[in-house]
Amino acid sequence: MAGSGAEMFARYAYAPNRLGYCGPPDAAALRDGSDEQVRAVARRFTGAWPYLRVMARMTGIADPLDRRLVEAYWLGGGVGAELDAREFTAELLDLLGPVAGGYWTYLTPRLAEEAAANHCFHVFGVYPWSRLLGHGNEQPLHVLDNCRIGWGTVLDRAGGEVVLGCRALSWDGERLALSAETARSVPIRVDGYAALPDVAVGERVAVHWGRLCGRLDDAQVSALEVGTVRQLELTNRRLAAQGNSAIS
């Protein structure tokens, strides 16, 4: 399974699934399973799987777990970057609507104004957390910062941890932004599992919910940064228009 789209999906999905935030309770399959076991679990992710299905249909790539689609979903850019936002949003909402029910009433075609075929859009545009900022509660910022795919450079490795130079998400009461680079310690192995057991100083890595999930090359770092900055700008525009009100 090494290097496959299923393998990449598993590495990025494992942390939130293990924490109980998304997907079925099958973390062991994501960590230790075969390609087919991972595929069976992936189909039960009510967030990521609809994106991959729509992206597959719109790009003409038959397999939703083709690595090109999986990489574009988690990191942005790639084959998902040029998809028509309105068409993508309409098809995505057709799949998400029955799952969301009547709770997330903001899931309307207007989301096309900020839509992108990637996880960053899901975090800031589809999940409710950006709409809960500004109410004296730190949880929304914590969730947004941990749920987005972060990136950083390994500055040091000692014991079971690495020190990363990375940028955190900040909120000044009106706008979301990325902070200046700071040092952050991240464990290499959690619950006996390490996505990058041989991670080394100087490497650039992706982080999801406080766990390492993959190495990044120049193009992937650029895609993550460009996609994240774009999403923050669009989210800030929406928040300003709504006066940082509750879900609307």
Protein backbone atom coordinates (compact mmCIF):
# COMPACT_ATOMS: atom_id res chain seq x y z
CA MET A 1 0.00 0.00 0.00
CA ALA A 2 3.05 2.28 0.27
CA GLY A 3 2.72 5.42 -1.80
CA SER A 4 -0.87 4.76 -2.84
CA GLY A 5 -3.78 7.14 -2.51
CA ALA A 6 -5.27 4.86 0.12
CA GLU A 7 -2.05 5.00 2.14
CA MET A 8 -2.00 8.79 1.98
CA PHE A 9 -5.66 9.01 2.93
CA ALA A 10 -5.02 6.81 5.96
CA ARG A 11 -2.05 8.84 7.23
CA TYR A 12 -3.92 12.14 7.08
CA ALA A 13 -7.24 10.77 8.34
CA TYR A 14 -5.84 8.70 11.21
CA ALA A 15 -5.41 11.42 13.85
CA PRO A 16 -8.95 12.90 13.81
CA ASN A 17 -10.44 9.43 13.42
CA ARG A 18 -8.46 8.11 16.41
CA LEU A 19 -9.66 11.11 18.43
CA GLY A 20 -13.26 10.35 17.48
CA TYR A 21 -13.85 13.51 15.44
CA CYS A 22 -14.65 12.04 12.04
CA GLY A 23 -15.11 8.76 10.26
CA PRO A 24 -16.14 5.36 11.63
CA PRO A 25 -14.54 3.84 14.74
CA ASP A 26 -12.00 1.89 12.71
CA ALA A 27 -8.73 3.65 13.49
CA ALA A 28 -6.86 0.33 13.57
CA ALA A 29 -7.73 -0.27 9.92
CA LEU A 30 -6.37 3.15 8.96
CA ARG A 31 -3.18 2.45 10.87
CA ASP A 32 -2.53 -1.18 10.05
CA GLY A 33 -4.99 -2.19 7.36
CA SER A 34 -4.52 -3.27 3.77
CA ASP A 35 -5.37 -1.07 0.82
CA GLU A 36 -8.83 -2.64 0.59
CA GLN A 37 -9.48 -2.26 4.32
CA VAL A 38 -8.57 1.43 4.13
CA ARG A 39 -10.86 1.83 1.13
CA ALA A 40 -13.76 0.33 3.05
CA VAL A 41 -13.19 2.73 5.94
CA ALA A 42 -12.71 5.76 3.66
CA ARG A 43 -16.15 5.26 2.12
CA ARG A 44 -17.67 5.81 5.57
CA PHE A 45 -16.13 9.25 6.10
CA THR A 46 -19.11 11.57 5.73
CA GLY A 47 -16.83 14.57 5.18
CA ALA A 48 -13.85 13.56 3.05
CA TRP A 49 -15.52 10.86 0.95
CA PRO A 50 -18.13 13.15 -0.69
CA TYR A 51 -15.33 15.50 -1.76
CA LEU A 52 -13.37 12.65 -3.31
CA ARG A 53 -16.45 11.35 -5.11
CA VAL A 54 -17.28 14.74 -6.60
CA MET A 55 -13.66 15.41 -7.51
CA ALA A 56 -13.43 12.02 -9.22
CA ARG A 57 -16.54 12.70 -11.28
CA MET A 58 -15.50 16.22 -12.28
CA THR A 59 -11.91 15.31 -13.21
CA GLY A 60 -12.77 12.07 -14.96
CA ILE A 61 -10.49 10.10 -12.61
CA ALA A 62 -12.36 6.88 -11.94
CA ASP A 63 -10.95 6.01 -8.51
CA PRO A 64 -11.88 8.45 -5.69
CA LEU A 65 -8.77 7.25 -3.85
CA ASP A 66 -6.43 7.94 -6.76
CA ARG A 67 -3.41 9.60 -5.15
CA ARG A 68 -3.87 12.72 -7.29
CA LEU A 69 -7.32 13.27 -5.79
CA VAL A 70 -6.30 12.41 -2.24
CA GLU A 71 -3.33 14.79 -2.37
CA ALA A 72 -5.46 17.58 -3.83
CA TYR A 73 -8.07 17.07 -1.11
CA TRP A 74 -5.71 17.15 1.87
CA LEU A 75 -3.15 19.66 0.59
CA GLY A 76 -4.99 21.75 -2.00
CA GLY A 77 -3.86 22.60 -5.50
CA GLY A 78 -3.33 19.85 -8.03
CA VAL A 79 -6.18 18.37 -9.99
CA GLY A 80 -8.83 19.99 -7.82
CA ALA A 81 -7.63 23.56 -8.24
CA GLU A 82 -9.39 24.37 -11.51
CA LEU A 83 -12.78 22.79 -10.87
CA ASP A 84 -15.77 25.06 -11.35
CA ALA A 85 -16.74 26.28 -7.87
CA ARG A 86 -20.48 26.45 -8.49
CA GLU A 87 -20.71 23.03 -10.06
CA PHE A 88 -18.51 21.56 -7.34
CA THR A 89 -20.57 23.15 -4.56
CA ALA A 90 -23.87 21.99 -6.03
CA GLU A 91 -22.71 18.39 -6.32
CA LEU A 92 -21.06 18.44 -2.88
CA LEU A 93 -24.16 19.78 -1.17
CA ASP A 94 -26.25 17.07 -2.80
CA LEU A 95 -24.11 14.57 -0.91
CA LEU A 96 -23.61 16.51 2.33
CA GLY A 97 -27.19 17.73 2.70
CA PRO A 98 -28.77 14.44 3.79
CA VAL A 99 -26.02 13.97 6.38
CA ALA A 100 -26.18 17.53 7.73
CA GLY A 101 -29.97 17.50 7.95
CA GLY A 102 -31.54 20.70 9.21
CA TYR A 103 -28.74 21.65 11.57
CA TRP A 104 -26.30 23.40 9.24
CA THR A 105 -28.71 25.76 7.51
CA TYR A 106 -25.85 27.78 6.00
CA LEU A 107 -25.03 24.94 3.59
CA THR A 108 -26.49 26.68 0.57
CA PRO A 109 -25.28 27.40 -2.99
CA ARG A 110 -23.86 30.68 -1.67
CA LEU A 111 -20.93 28.64 -0.32
CA ALA A 112 -19.63 28.60 -3.89
CA GLU A 113 -18.24 32.08 -3.16
CA GLU A 114 -15.59 30.49 -0.94
CA ALA A 115 -15.59 26.88 -2.13
CA ALA A 116 -12.52 24.87 -3.07
CA ALA A 117 -12.11 21.15 -3.62
CA ASN A 118 -9.99 20.61 -0.54
CA HIS A 119 -10.00 19.98 3.18
CA CYS A 120 -9.22 23.59 4.08
CA PHE A 121 -12.55 24.70 2.62
CA HIS A 122 -14.28 21.95 4.57
CA VAL A 123 -12.71 23.16 7.82
CA PHE A 124 -13.44 26.86 7.39
CA GLY A 125 -16.46 26.87 5.10
CA VAL A 126 -18.51 23.74 5.77
CA TYR A 127 -17.85 23.02 9.44
CA PRO A 128 -19.58 25.50 11.78
CA TRP A 129 -16.52 26.52 13.81
CA SER A 130 -15.62 29.71 11.94
CA ARG A 131 -19.15 30.92 12.63
CA LEU A 132 -18.69 30.43 16.37
CA LEU A 133 -15.68 32.74 16.76
CA GLY A 134 -15.98 35.87 18.85
CA HIS A 135 -18.14 34.56 21.66
CA GLY A 136 -15.54 34.41 24.45
CA ASN A 137 -14.83 30.75 23.73
CA GLU A 138 -11.38 29.51 22.71
CA GLN A 139 -12.66 26.17 21.41
CA PRO A 140 -13.53 27.32 17.86
CA LEU A 141 -9.99 28.66 17.26
CA HIS A 142 -8.47 25.51 18.77
CA VAL A 143 -10.54 23.27 16.50
CA LEU A 144 -9.88 25.33 13.37
CA ASP A 145 -6.12 25.38 13.99
CA ASN A 146 -5.89 21.66 14.68
CA CYS A 147 -8.34 20.49 12.02
CA ARG A 148 -6.65 22.35 9.15
CA ILE A 149 -3.56 20.68 7.71
CA GLY A 150 -0.59 22.60 9.10
CA TRP A 151 2.99 22.52 7.88
CA GLY A 152 6.39 23.13 9.38
CA THR A 153 10.13 22.47 9.21
CA VAL A 154 11.81 20.06 11.62
CA LEU A 155 14.25 22.11 13.69
CA ASP A 156 15.30 19.43 16.18
CA ARG A 157 14.67 15.83 17.10
CA ALA A 158 15.17 14.58 20.64
CA GLY A 159 13.73 11.56 22.36
CA GLY A 160 10.26 10.91 21.07
CA GLU A 161 9.57 14.43 19.82
CA VAL A 162 10.45 16.83 17.07
CA VAL A 163 10.50 20.61 17.31
CA LEU A 164 8.82 22.24 14.33
CA GLY A 165 9.09 25.79 13.06
CA CYS A 166 5.50 26.49 12.05
CA ARG A 167 2.73 29.09 11.97
CA ALA A 168 -0.34 28.92 14.18
CA LEU A 169 -3.82 30.25 13.49
CA SER A 170 -4.67 33.49 15.31
CA TRP A 171 -7.87 35.45 15.89
CA ASP A 172 -7.82 39.12 16.91
CA GLY A 173 -11.56 39.42 17.45
CA GLU A 174 -12.23 40.37 13.85
CA ARG A 175 -9.93 38.41 11.54
CA LEU A 176 -8.25 35.06 11.26
CA ALA A 177 -4.58 35.03 10.27
CA LEU A 178 -1.45 32.92 10.38
CA SER A 179 1.03 33.94 13.07
CA ALA A 180 4.73 34.47 12.64
CA GLU A 181 6.70 31.23 12.77
CA THR A 182 7.18 29.79 16.25
CA ALA A 183 8.63 26.57 17.67
CA ARG A 184 6.25 23.75 18.53
CA SER A 185 6.94 20.28 19.92
CA VAL A 186 5.14 17.38 18.26
CA PRO A 187 5.37 13.71 19.26
CA ILE A 188 6.76 11.29 16.70
CA ARG A 189 4.81 8.31 17.97
CA VAL A 190 1.35 8.33 19.55
CA ASP A 191 -0.45 5.20 20.76
CA GLY A 192 2.42 3.16 19.36
CA TYR A 193 1.95 4.54 15.85
CA ALA A 194 4.26 6.80 13.86
CA ALA A 195 3.48 7.98 10.35
CA LEU A 196 7.09 9.24 10.02
CA PRO A 197 9.26 7.21 12.41
CA ASP A 198 12.47 8.29 10.64
CA VAL A 199 11.63 12.00 10.38
CA ALA A 200 14.79 14.09 10.29
CA VAL A 201 15.94 17.65 10.96
CA GLY A 202 15.44 19.88 7.94
CA GLU A 203 12.48 18.00 6.53
CA ARG A 204 9.18 19.74 5.98
CA VAL A 205 6.16 17.90 7.29
CA ALA A 206 2.38 18.08 7.51
CA VAL A 207 0.57 18.07 10.85
CA HIS A 208 -3.06 17.16 11.55
CA TRP A 209 -4.50 17.33 15.06
CA GLY A 210 -1.02 17.54 16.57
CA ARG A 211 0.33 14.49 14.77
CA LEU A 212 2.80 14.13 11.94
CA CYS A 213 1.17 12.73 8.82
CA GLY A 214 3.51 13.20 5.85
CA ARG A 215 6.59 14.74 4.28
CA LEU A 216 6.09 17.73 2.01
CA ASP A 217 7.96 18.92 -1.06
CA ASP A 218 8.17 22.51 -2.31
CA ALA A 219 5.03 22.27 -4.43
CA GLN A 220 2.99 20.76 -1.60
CA VAL A 221 4.08 23.41 0.91
CA SER A 222 3.18 26.10 -1.61
CA ALA A 223 -0.24 24.54 -2.28
CA LEU A 224 -0.99 24.34 1.43
CA GLU A 225 0.07 27.91 2.11
CA VAL A 226 -1.71 29.39 -0.91
CA GLY A 227 -4.88 27.44 -0.20
CA THR A 228 -4.88 28.30 3.49
CA VAL A 229 -4.30 32.03 2.94
CA ARG A 230 -7.03 32.08 0.28
CA GLN A 231 -9.49 30.36 2.59
CA LEU A 232 -8.72 32.71 5.47
CA GLU A 233 -9.28 35.74 3.25
CA LEU A 234 -12.65 34.42 2.10
CA THR A 235 -13.66 33.41 5.61
CA ASN A 236 -12.74 36.85 6.95
CA ARG A 237 -14.81 38.45 4.21
CA ARG A 238 -17.83 36.37 5.22
CA LEU A 239 -17.34 37.08 8.91
CA ALA A 240 -17.10 40.80 8.27
CA ALA A 241 -20.31 40.73 6.22
CA GLN A 242 -22.10 38.79 8.94
CA GLY A 243 -20.74 40.96 11.73
CA ASN A 244 -19.25 37.85 13.35
CA SER A 245 -22.76 36.80 14.27
CA ALA A 246 -23.84 33.29 15.14
CA ILE A 247 -24.62 30.77 12.41
CA SER A 248 -26.78 32.26 9.72
